[in-house]
Protein backbone atom coordinates (compact mmCIF):
# COMPACT_ATOMS: atom_id res chain seq x y z
CA MET A 1 10.14 2.00 -12.39
CA GLU A 2 12.67 4.54 -14.54
CA ILE A 3 12.40 7.87 -13.10
CA ARG A 4 14.60 10.82 -14.69
CA SER A 5 16.42 13.02 -11.89
CA LEU A 6 17.17 16.25 -12.55
CA ASN A 7 20.48 15.88 -14.46
CA THR A 8 20.65 12.15 -14.85
CA SER A 9 18.47 8.57 -15.70
CA VAL A 10 18.30 5.93 -13.28
CA ASP A 11 16.34 2.94 -12.45
CA ILE A 12 14.70 2.70 -9.19
CA LYS A 13 14.88 -1.30 -8.37
CA LYS A 14 13.69 -3.61 -5.11
CA SER A 15 15.86 -5.17 -3.52
CA PRO A 16 15.67 -9.10 -4.01
CA LEU A 17 15.79 -9.49 -0.36
CA THR A 18 13.08 -7.45 0.41
CA GLU A 19 10.91 -9.10 -1.94
CA LYS A 20 11.33 -12.63 -0.18
CA LYS A 21 11.01 -11.24 2.79
CA SER A 22 7.57 -9.40 1.73
CA GLN A 23 6.30 -12.67 2.19
CA SER A 24 6.73 -12.67 5.98
CA ASP A 25 3.99 -11.79 8.19
CA ASN A 26 5.95 -11.01 11.26
CA LEU A 27 8.79 -8.51 12.09
CA THR A 28 11.82 -9.57 14.25
CA PRO A 29 14.93 -7.79 15.02
CA GLN A 30 17.00 -9.70 12.54
CA ASP A 31 14.59 -8.86 9.90
CA THR A 32 16.97 -6.56 7.44
CA VAL A 33 16.59 -5.31 3.86
CA ALA A 34 19.33 -3.66 1.27
CA LEU A 35 17.81 -0.94 0.15
CA SER A 36 20.83 0.44 -2.30
CA ASN A 37 20.39 -2.50 -4.52
CA GLY A 38 18.09 -5.22 -6.67
CA SER A 39 16.64 -6.12 -9.30
CA GLY A 40 13.29 -6.13 -11.00
CA GLU A 41 11.24 -3.98 -13.49
CA PRO A 42 7.97 -2.06 -12.46
CA SER A 43 5.17 -2.56 -15.13
CA LEU A 44 4.72 -0.44 -18.27
CA ILE A 45 1.08 0.67 -16.50
CA ARG A 46 2.99 1.70 -13.42
CA LYS A 47 5.57 3.40 -15.70
CA GLY A 48 2.56 5.12 -17.33
CA LEU A 49 1.17 6.46 -14.15
CA GLU A 50 4.42 8.16 -12.87
CA GLY A 51 4.75 9.23 -16.42
CA ILE A 52 1.50 10.97 -15.74
CA GLY A 53 2.40 12.19 -12.41
CA GLY A 54 5.30 14.13 -13.28
CA LEU A 55 3.84 15.68 -15.85
CA ALA A 56 1.10 16.90 -13.82
CA GLY A 57 3.93 17.79 -11.30
CA GLY A 58 5.66 19.30 -13.53
CA LEU A 59 2.87 21.80 -14.58
CA LYS A 60 2.53 22.19 -11.35
CA GLY A 61 5.77 22.99 -10.19
CA ALA A 62 6.10 25.92 -12.94
CA THR A 63 3.02 27.71 -12.46
CA THR A 64 3.46 27.60 -8.73
CA ALA A 65 7.13 28.72 -8.62
CA ILE A 66 6.16 31.57 -10.60
CA LEU A 67 5.39 34.22 -8.12
CA PRO A 68 7.81 33.51 -5.22
CA ALA A 69 10.37 33.23 -8.20
CA SER A 70 9.89 36.31 -9.38
CA ILE A 71 10.31 38.30 -5.93
CA GLU A 72 13.02 36.02 -5.51
CA GLY A 73 14.88 37.24 -8.63
CA GLY A 74 13.86 40.98 -8.50
CA LEU A 75 15.57 40.98 -5.13
CA ASP A 76 18.77 38.69 -6.52
CA ALA A 77 19.08 41.26 -9.26
CA ALA A 78 18.97 44.03 -6.42
CA ALA A 79 21.83 42.41 -4.46
CA GLY A 80 23.90 41.65 -7.66
CA GLY A 81 23.31 38.15 -8.58
CA GLU A 82 24.51 37.02 -5.53
CA ASN A 83 21.99 35.70 -3.02
CA ALA A 84 21.41 31.67 -4.26
CA SER A 85 20.28 30.43 -0.62
CA GLY A 86 16.12 30.88 -1.76
CA VAL A 87 14.74 31.91 1.36
CA ALA A 88 12.72 35.18 -0.40
CA TYR A 89 11.54 31.84 -2.83
CA GLY A 90 10.37 30.13 0.78
CA ILE A 91 8.96 32.99 2.26
CA GLY A 92 7.25 33.64 -0.74
CA THR A 93 5.90 30.35 -1.12
CA VAL A 94 4.51 30.24 2.45
CA VAL A 95 2.85 33.40 1.95
CA GLN A 96 1.49 32.76 -1.53
CA GLY A 97 -0.09 29.27 -0.11
CA GLY A 98 -2.26 31.46 2.74
CA LEU A 99 -2.93 34.01 0.21
CA ALA A 100 -4.40 31.29 -1.87
CA GLY A 101 -6.24 29.60 0.73
CA ALA A 102 -7.48 33.13 1.27
CA GLY A 103 -9.12 33.05 -2.14
CA LEU A 104 -10.36 29.82 -2.17
CA ALA A 105 -12.22 30.77 1.26
CA VAL A 106 -13.65 33.90 -0.45
CA LEU A 107 -15.02 31.66 -3.72
CA LEU A 108 -16.69 28.99 -1.52
CA GLY A 109 -18.22 32.22 0.17
CA ALA A 110 -17.16 31.42 3.86
CA GLY A 111 -17.63 33.82 6.35
CA GLY A 112 -14.23 35.50 8.27
CA LEU A 113 -13.78 32.17 10.22
CA GLY A 114 -13.78 30.44 7.62
CA ILE A 115 -11.47 32.55 5.68
CA ALA A 116 -9.08 32.73 8.92
CA GLY A 117 -9.00 28.92 8.91
CA LEU A 118 -8.45 28.16 5.24
CA SER A 119 -5.32 30.88 5.09
CA VAL A 120 -3.74 29.41 8.17
CA ALA A 121 -4.32 26.29 6.37
CA GLY A 122 -2.94 27.50 3.07
CA LEU A 123 0.09 28.72 5.21
CA VAL A 124 0.76 25.48 6.53
CA LEU A 125 0.81 24.08 3.61
CA GLY A 126 3.17 26.39 1.99
CA GLY A 127 5.39 25.67 5.06
CA VAL A 128 5.38 22.25 4.29
CA LYS A 129 6.18 22.65 0.82
CA VAL A 130 9.10 24.51 1.50
CA GLY A 131 10.45 22.00 4.22
CA LEU A 132 10.11 19.61 1.81
CA MET A 133 12.10 21.08 -0.70
CA VAL A 134 14.86 21.65 1.95
CA ALA A 135 14.56 18.12 2.94
CA GLU A 136 15.18 17.47 -0.91
CA ASP A 137 18.10 20.05 -1.33
CA THR A 138 16.53 21.77 -4.14
CA ILE A 139 15.28 24.92 -2.83
CA ASP A 140 19.13 26.70 -2.57
CA LYS A 141 20.68 23.98 -4.68
CA GLU A 142 18.36 23.88 -7.78
CA MET A 143 16.20 26.70 -7.44
CA GLY A 144 17.55 29.31 -5.73
CA LYS A 145 20.90 28.91 -7.82
CA ASN A 146 19.48 28.94 -11.05
CA ILE A 147 17.20 32.21 -10.40
CA ALA A 148 20.22 33.82 -8.79
CA GLU A 149 22.41 33.01 -11.88
CA GLN A 150 19.54 33.77 -13.91
CA ALA A 151 19.44 37.70 -12.14
CA LYS A 152 23.07 38.14 -12.76
CA LYS A 153 22.78 37.91 -16.02
CA SER A 154 19.85 40.09 -16.59
CA VAL A 155 21.87 42.85 -14.31
CA ALA A 156 25.53 42.19 -16.12
CA ASP A 157 24.93 44.68 -18.50
CA TYR A 158 23.12 47.28 -16.44
CA LYS A 159 25.41 50.63 -15.57
CA PRO A 160 25.21 52.37 -12.55
CA SER A 161 23.72 55.92 -12.78
CA GLY A 162 24.78 56.96 -9.48
CA ASP A 163 21.71 56.93 -7.58
CA LYS A 164 21.77 54.03 -5.43
CA ILE A 165 18.07 54.01 -4.98
CA GLN A 166 17.27 54.18 -8.82
CA ASP A 167 19.84 51.18 -9.34
CA VAL A 168 18.06 49.37 -7.01
CA THR A 169 14.57 49.52 -8.15
CA SER A 170 16.13 49.26 -12.12
CA ASN A 171 17.94 46.03 -10.85
CA PHE A 172 14.45 44.81 -9.01
CA VAL A 173 12.53 45.38 -11.75
CA VAL A 174 14.99 43.64 -14.41
CA GLY A 175 15.43 40.98 -11.87
CA LEU A 176 11.47 39.92 -12.06
CA PRO A 177 10.85 38.19 -15.12
CA SER A 178 14.39 36.38 -14.93
CA GLY A 179 13.09 35.60 -12.07
CA MET A 180 10.04 34.14 -13.11
CA LYS A 181 11.47 32.35 -16.31
CA ALA A 182 14.32 30.44 -13.71
CA GLY A 183 11.13 29.48 -11.26
CA ALA A 184 9.47 27.96 -14.12
CA GLN A 185 12.35 25.94 -15.39
CA SER A 186 13.09 24.73 -12.49
CA GLY A 187 10.19 24.68 -10.92
CA TRP A 188 9.50 21.87 -14.04
CA LYS A 189 12.36 20.06 -13.47
CA ILE A 190 11.88 19.68 -9.23
CA GLY A 191 8.05 19.36 -10.17
CA GLN A 192 8.25 16.36 -11.99
CA GLU A 193 10.57 14.00 -9.79
CA GLU A 194 8.13 15.41 -7.09
CA GLY A 195 4.98 13.81 -9.22
CA LYS A 196 6.57 11.21 -9.87
CA GLY A 197 7.10 10.35 -6.65
CA THR A 198 4.01 11.25 -5.24
CA VAL A 199 2.53 8.71 -7.75
CA SER A 200 4.53 6.23 -6.60
CA GLY A 201 3.98 7.04 -2.92
CA LEU A 202 0.19 6.06 -3.84
CA LEU A 203 0.64 3.03 -5.10
CA GLU A 204 3.15 1.72 -2.15
CA GLY A 205 0.55 3.16 0.28
CA ALA A 206 -2.37 1.26 -1.15
CA LYS A 207 0.37 -2.20 -0.69
CA GLY A 208 1.00 -0.48 2.82
CA ILE A 209 -2.70 -0.36 3.73
CA GLY A 210 -3.22 -3.29 2.86
CA SER A 211 -0.15 -4.80 5.38
CA VAL A 212 -2.09 -2.89 8.19
CA ILE A 213 -5.07 -4.54 7.60
CA ALA A 214 -3.75 -7.42 7.45
CA GLY A 215 -1.29 -6.72 10.25
CA LYS A 216 1.34 -8.09 8.74
CA TYR A 217 3.68 -5.05 10.51
CA GLU A 218 3.16 -6.75 13.76
CA PRO A 219 5.66 -7.91 15.80
CA PRO A 220 5.09 -12.09 16.62
CA GLU A 221 3.02 -12.94 19.69
CA THR A 222 4.86 -14.77 22.33
CA GLU A 223 2.75 -17.25 23.84
CA GLU A 224 3.45 -17.97 27.75
CA LYS A 225 2.76 -21.71 29.05
CA LYS A 226 -0.31 -21.46 31.50
CA GLU A 227 -1.14 -24.56 34.09
CA GLU A 228 -4.02 -25.87 33.40
CA VAL A 229 -6.49 -24.90 36.46
CA LYS A 230 -9.65 -26.85 36.67
CA LEU A 231 -12.84 -24.12 37.26
CA SER A 232 -15.94 -24.60 38.52
CA THR A 233 -18.87 -23.46 37.10
CA GLY A 234 -19.34 -20.28 38.83
CA GLN A 235 -16.18 -19.15 37.65
CA LYS A 236 -17.12 -20.43 34.18
CA ILE A 237 -20.18 -18.36 34.03
CA GLY A 238 -18.58 -15.53 35.46
CA ASN A 239 -15.60 -15.57 32.92
CA ALA A 240 -18.41 -15.82 29.90
CA ILE A 241 -20.31 -12.61 31.86
CA LYS A 242 -16.79 -10.40 31.89
CA LYS A 243 -15.96 -11.58 28.32
CA THR A 244 -19.34 -10.66 27.04
CA ALA A 245 -19.23 -7.18 29.08
CA GLU A 246 -15.65 -6.51 27.48
CA VAL A 247 -16.98 -7.17 23.84
CA ALA A 248 -20.27 -5.14 24.43
CA VAL A 249 -18.12 -2.45 25.38
CA GLY A 250 -15.15 -2.50 24.15
CA VAL A 251 -16.18 -2.45 20.67
CA PRO A 252 -18.11 1.02 20.38
CA SER A 253 -15.54 2.51 22.52
CA GLY A 254 -12.86 0.86 20.01
CA LEU A 255 -14.80 2.65 17.45
CA VAL A 256 -14.51 5.82 18.82
CA ALA A 257 -11.43 5.72 19.72
CA SER A 258 -10.31 4.56 16.15
CA ALA A 259 -11.94 7.70 14.66
CA LEU A 260 -10.44 10.22 17.72
CA PHE A 261 -7.22 9.05 16.41
CA LEU A 262 -7.66 8.35 12.94
CA PRO A 263 -6.38 12.09 11.54
CA VAL A 264 -3.18 11.45 14.30
CA GLY A 265 -1.82 8.37 11.96
CA PRO A 266 -1.25 10.22 8.72
CA VAL A 267 0.17 13.23 10.29
CA GLN A 268 3.08 10.84 12.36
CA GLY A 269 3.38 8.87 9.48
CA PHE A 270 4.28 12.07 7.25
CA PHE A 271 7.00 12.71 9.67
CA ASN A 272 8.09 9.10 10.27
CA GLY A 273 8.87 8.98 6.41
CA VAL A 274 10.49 12.24 6.60
CA ASP A 275 12.83 10.38 8.98
CA LEU A 276 13.29 7.00 7.68
CA ASN A 277 14.11 8.63 4.14
CA ASP A 278 16.72 10.92 6.32
CA ASP A 279 18.31 8.68 8.22
CA TYR A 280 17.52 4.98 6.33
CA SER A 281 17.49 5.24 2.51
CA ASP A 282 21.23 4.59 1.66
CA LYS A 283 22.48 0.99 4.39
CA THR A 284 21.32 -1.80 6.04
CA PHE A 285 17.66 -1.22 6.99
CA ASP A 286 16.77 -2.65 10.32
CA LYS A 287 13.28 -2.91 11.03
CA GLU A 288 13.29 -2.84 14.92
CA GLY A 289 16.51 -0.36 15.18
CA ALA A 290 14.13 1.37 12.82
CA VAL A 291 10.89 1.48 15.43
CA LYS A 292 12.70 2.22 18.26
CA ASP A 293 14.29 5.47 16.30
CA LEU A 294 11.02 6.72 15.63
CA THR A 295 9.69 6.25 19.17
CA ARG A 296 12.46 7.95 20.58
CA HIS A 297 10.45 11.17 19.48
CA SER A 298 8.22 11.11 22.44
CA TYR A 299 7.56 14.97 22.91
CA ARG A 300 7.41 14.99 18.87
CA ASN A 301 4.58 12.26 18.61
CA ALA A 302 2.47 13.32 22.04
CA SER A 303 2.42 16.80 20.69
CA ILE A 304 1.57 15.72 17.32
CA THR A 305 -1.38 13.88 19.38
CA ASN A 306 -2.59 16.31 21.71
CA SER A 307 -2.43 19.01 18.58
CA VAL A 308 -4.51 16.79 16.04
CA VAL A 309 -7.09 15.67 19.52
CA PHE A 310 -7.60 19.38 20.64
CA LEU A 311 -7.96 20.69 16.67
CA GLU A 312 -10.87 17.71 16.78
CA THR A 313 -12.61 18.63 19.45
CA ALA A 314 -12.30 22.05 18.87
CA GLY A 315 -13.61 21.61 15.36
CA LEU A 316 -16.83 19.56 16.47
CA GLY A 317 -17.57 22.32 19.30
CA ALA A 318 -17.28 24.89 17.17
CA GLY A 319 -19.50 23.15 14.75
CA VAL A 320 -22.36 22.21 17.78
CA GLY A 321 -21.99 25.79 18.62
CA TYR A 322 -22.91 27.20 15.52
CA LEU A 323 -25.47 24.99 15.04
CA ALA A 324 -26.94 25.20 18.02
CA MET A 325 -26.71 29.24 19.06
CA GLY A 326 -25.63 30.11 15.24
CA GLY A 327 -23.24 32.60 14.10
CA THR A 328 -19.71 33.34 15.63
CA THR A 329 -20.19 33.50 18.94
CA GLY A 330 -21.79 30.14 19.35
CA ALA A 331 -18.97 28.88 17.18
CA LEU A 332 -16.58 30.48 19.38
CA ILE A 333 -18.49 28.90 22.50
CA GLY A 334 -18.41 25.71 21.23
CA ALA A 335 -14.76 25.53 20.36
CA ALA A 336 -13.77 26.90 23.59
CA GLY A 337 -15.94 23.79 25.04
CA GLY A 338 -13.77 21.39 22.42
CA VAL A 339 -10.81 22.42 23.90
CA VAL A 340 -11.71 21.51 27.35
CA LEU A 341 -13.27 18.37 26.06
CA GLY A 342 -10.17 17.80 23.76
CA GLY A 343 -7.86 18.51 27.75
CA LEU A 344 -9.95 16.17 29.79
CA ALA A 345 -9.31 13.79 26.40
CA TYR A 346 -5.53 14.62 27.14
CA LEU A 347 -5.94 13.61 30.71
CA ALA A 348 -6.95 10.76 30.93
CA GLY A 349 -4.93 8.95 28.00
CA LYS A 350 -1.72 10.80 28.20
CA HIS A 351 0.26 7.62 29.27
CA ARG A 352 -1.30 5.34 27.36
CA THR A 353 -0.37 6.75 23.93
CA GLU A 354 3.31 5.14 23.31
CA LYS A 355 1.57 1.63 22.04
CA PHE A 356 -0.09 3.80 19.75
CA HIS A 357 2.59 5.29 18.31
CA GLU A 358 4.82 2.51 18.86
CA GLY A 359 1.96 0.83 16.54
CA VAL A 360 1.94 2.92 13.49
CA ALA A 361 5.78 3.16 13.82
CA ARG A 362 6.01 -0.74 12.90
CA SER A 363 3.67 -0.32 10.08
CA VAL A 364 5.38 2.70 8.52
CA VAL A 365 8.72 1.02 9.00
CA HIS A 366 7.45 -2.39 7.37
CA ALA A 367 6.27 -0.70 4.37
CA HIS A 368 9.24 1.77 3.50
CA SER A 369 11.44 -1.36 4.18
CA ASP A 370 11.43 -2.07 0.48
CA ASN A 371 12.03 1.58 -0.66
CA ALA A 372 15.14 1.92 -2.51
CA LYS A 373 17.28 4.82 -3.23
CA THR A 374 18.01 6.52 -5.81
CA ASP A 375 19.81 9.64 -7.29
CA SER A 376 16.85 11.94 -6.80
CA LYS A 377 15.85 13.18 -3.63
CA ALA A 378 12.82 15.22 -4.81
CA TYR A 379 11.25 11.47 -6.29
CA ASP A 380 12.56 9.81 -2.92
CA LEU A 381 11.07 11.96 -0.48
CA ARG A 382 7.64 12.43 -1.34
CA ARG A 383 7.68 8.45 -2.52
CA ASP A 384 8.01 7.77 1.67
CA VAL A 385 6.10 10.59 3.08
CA THR A 386 3.41 10.00 0.37
CA GLU A 387 3.14 6.04 1.64
CA SER A 388 4.01 6.63 4.88
CA THR A 389 1.23 9.08 5.07
CA LEU A 390 -1.22 6.68 3.88
CA THR A 391 0.04 3.84 5.49
CA GLY A 392 -0.10 5.91 9.18
CA LEU A 393 -3.84 6.59 8.01
CA ALA A 394 -4.64 3.15 8.08
CA ALA A 395 -2.46 2.12 11.31
CA GLY A 396 -4.12 5.24 12.57
CA SER A 397 -7.33 4.00 12.63
CA ARG A 398 -6.43 0.08 13.61
CA GLU A 399 -3.99 1.21 16.75
CA GLY A 400 -6.61 3.26 17.83
CA PHE A 401 -9.20 0.82 18.11
CA LYS A 402 -7.07 -1.43 19.71
CA GLU A 403 -6.09 1.56 22.22
CA GLY A 404 -10.07 2.10 23.27
CA TYR A 405 -10.82 -1.35 23.12
CA ASP A 406 -7.64 -2.25 25.91
CA VAL A 407 -8.83 0.54 28.08
CA SER A 408 -12.50 0.00 28.08
CA LYS A 409 -11.27 -3.74 29.17
CA VAL A 410 -9.44 -2.41 31.82
CA VAL A 411 -12.06 -0.60 32.88
CA VAL A 412 -14.82 -3.48 32.47
CA ASP A 413 -12.10 -5.81 34.22
CA GLY A 414 -11.82 -3.71 37.09
CA ALA A 415 -15.78 -2.95 37.46
CA TYR A 416 -15.96 -6.45 37.39
CA GLU A 417 -13.80 -7.57 40.05
CA VAL A 418 -15.08 -4.46 41.98
CA THR A 419 -19.06 -6.00 41.42
CA LYS A 420 -17.77 -9.61 41.99
CA ASP A 421 -15.98 -8.42 45.49
CA VAL A 422 -19.37 -6.73 46.42
CA ALA A 423 -21.34 -9.74 45.78
CA GLU A 424 -19.05 -11.49 47.73
CA PHE A 425 -19.02 -9.40 50.74
CA VAL A 426 -22.75 -8.57 50.66
CA ALA A 427 -23.28 -12.56 50.19
CA LYS A 428 -21.18 -13.21 52.97
CA GLY A 429 -23.09 -10.63 55.01
CA VAL A 430 -26.30 -12.59 54.38
CA VAL A 431 -24.88 -15.81 55.29
CA LYS A 432 -23.33 -14.19 58.48
CA VAL A 433 -26.76 -12.66 59.20
CA ALA A 434 -28.54 -15.64 58.38
CA LYS A 435 -26.40 -17.53 60.89
CA LYS A 436 -27.45 -15.60 63.50
CA VAL A 437 -30.95 -15.30 62.85
CA VAL A 438 -30.59 -19.15 62.80
CA HIS A 439 -28.74 -19.21 65.98
CA ALA A 440 -31.27 -16.73 67.65
CA VAL A 441 -34.39 -18.62 66.79
CA GLY A 442 -32.50 -22.02 67.80
CA ASP A 443 -31.81 -19.94 71.39
CA VAL A 444 -35.05 -18.77 71.25
CA GLY A 445 -36.67 -22.15 70.65
CA SER A 446 -34.42 -23.74 73.52
CA PHE A 447 -35.61 -21.20 75.98
CA ALA A 448 -39.07 -21.66 74.93
CA GLY A 449 -38.52 -25.32 75.21
CA GLY A 450 -37.05 -24.79 78.12
CA MET A 451 -40.05 -23.19 79.80
CA ALA A 452 -42.54 -25.20 78.09
CA LYS A 453 -40.52 -28.45 80.01
CA GLY A 454 -40.42 -26.84 83.05
CA THR A 455 -43.75 -26.06 83.60
CA PHE A 456 -45.02 -29.10 82.30
CA GLU A 457 -43.05 -30.86 84.86
CA GLY A 458 -44.20 -29.09 87.47
CA ILE A 459 -48.31 -29.48 87.02
CA VAL A 460 -47.27 -33.17 86.50
CA LYS A 461 -44.98 -33.24 89.31
CA ASP A 462 -47.67 -31.18 91.46
CA LYS A 463 -50.43 -33.41 90.43
CA VAL A 464 -48.85 -36.58 91.38
CA GLU A 465 -47.40 -35.43 94.37
């Protein structure tokens, strides 16, 4: 896919080794993919889609940069045009996100909680945008630098009046339009790359979802040789009952866990995509090593899971409370109950999420392994995180179902064994009691027979004598 970076144009190419390995259904520690070279041209349709994405991204980047860039330009001009860090731009972007969220809530007619919730969501999204720009090296090297240069030019001919407050205020006002202009220019350039990368990530993410559905990311199963054991009829019946119970309980449990973990997958996938872009985008790519590196973030993975589950249960509780009791009070009470439920869910599964996180990481690594590095970090990062987020969405559902099914299987197996032991104990007790009854009956019979015999012999003997 041909893209244009901030200063040059390059061809994004797939690795020929990747094309061969993409036909493999399994991952092994020997699977490596060279990401830095390859061949193959994207289709015209894909180029067209990325072009549309670049146009949309450029417009979005230019418009959303106006407010924070204006503030950055004013502050840079007031400081003499020496500030090129982009700190003010980053803070302005976060605040702008919060204001946009609050405005959307007002337009939707939301109440206090709705305004607060969407404001927080906007702040978070603004923070994510800034974080990605920092990772792309665009907030300081492109945006901040351009704003500072324009701000410096805007005050180059200004003659100090001798009043420091007046000078700073005047420079700030003069720097606002220069910052706006520079921000729109840089926002257009950066946004084009981000838009193209996002479209590429959507297309690659669709492939990632397909690989998850097909289970291509999962490692090959190692079959252990087991000696054939002849089972009795009773054992065969018992195994059939257990298997039926596992399916009957496992499928509903898996569906519930799949829904619960569904939002966890894309969040973990997002962070995994950032990690892979930073650590594995310019060298030979070892899949198994990448999976190990991603899963070593156990604390972060657990924090993601716990946070998402708490938000889910709190939100569900707030909804139920609002419908049941009405108003903000009902929603707050319901949310508190949801938090308690989330805590119980955490305690129940805190030692069982490692396999889930490993499964999501494997799916993301498998999807990422054919991404070639370009000279545009903005393009590469947006492509990687978008692809990984979509792949994580599918993997979260699949791995969640497996987790729920496995947990229920353990429960069913335990219940079956306990039931079997109780049944065997009861059966043994019944047999033991039955034996005692038989013995007792036998003893009574023997006693009665002896008495009858003695009586008969005594009567007959007396008559004979």
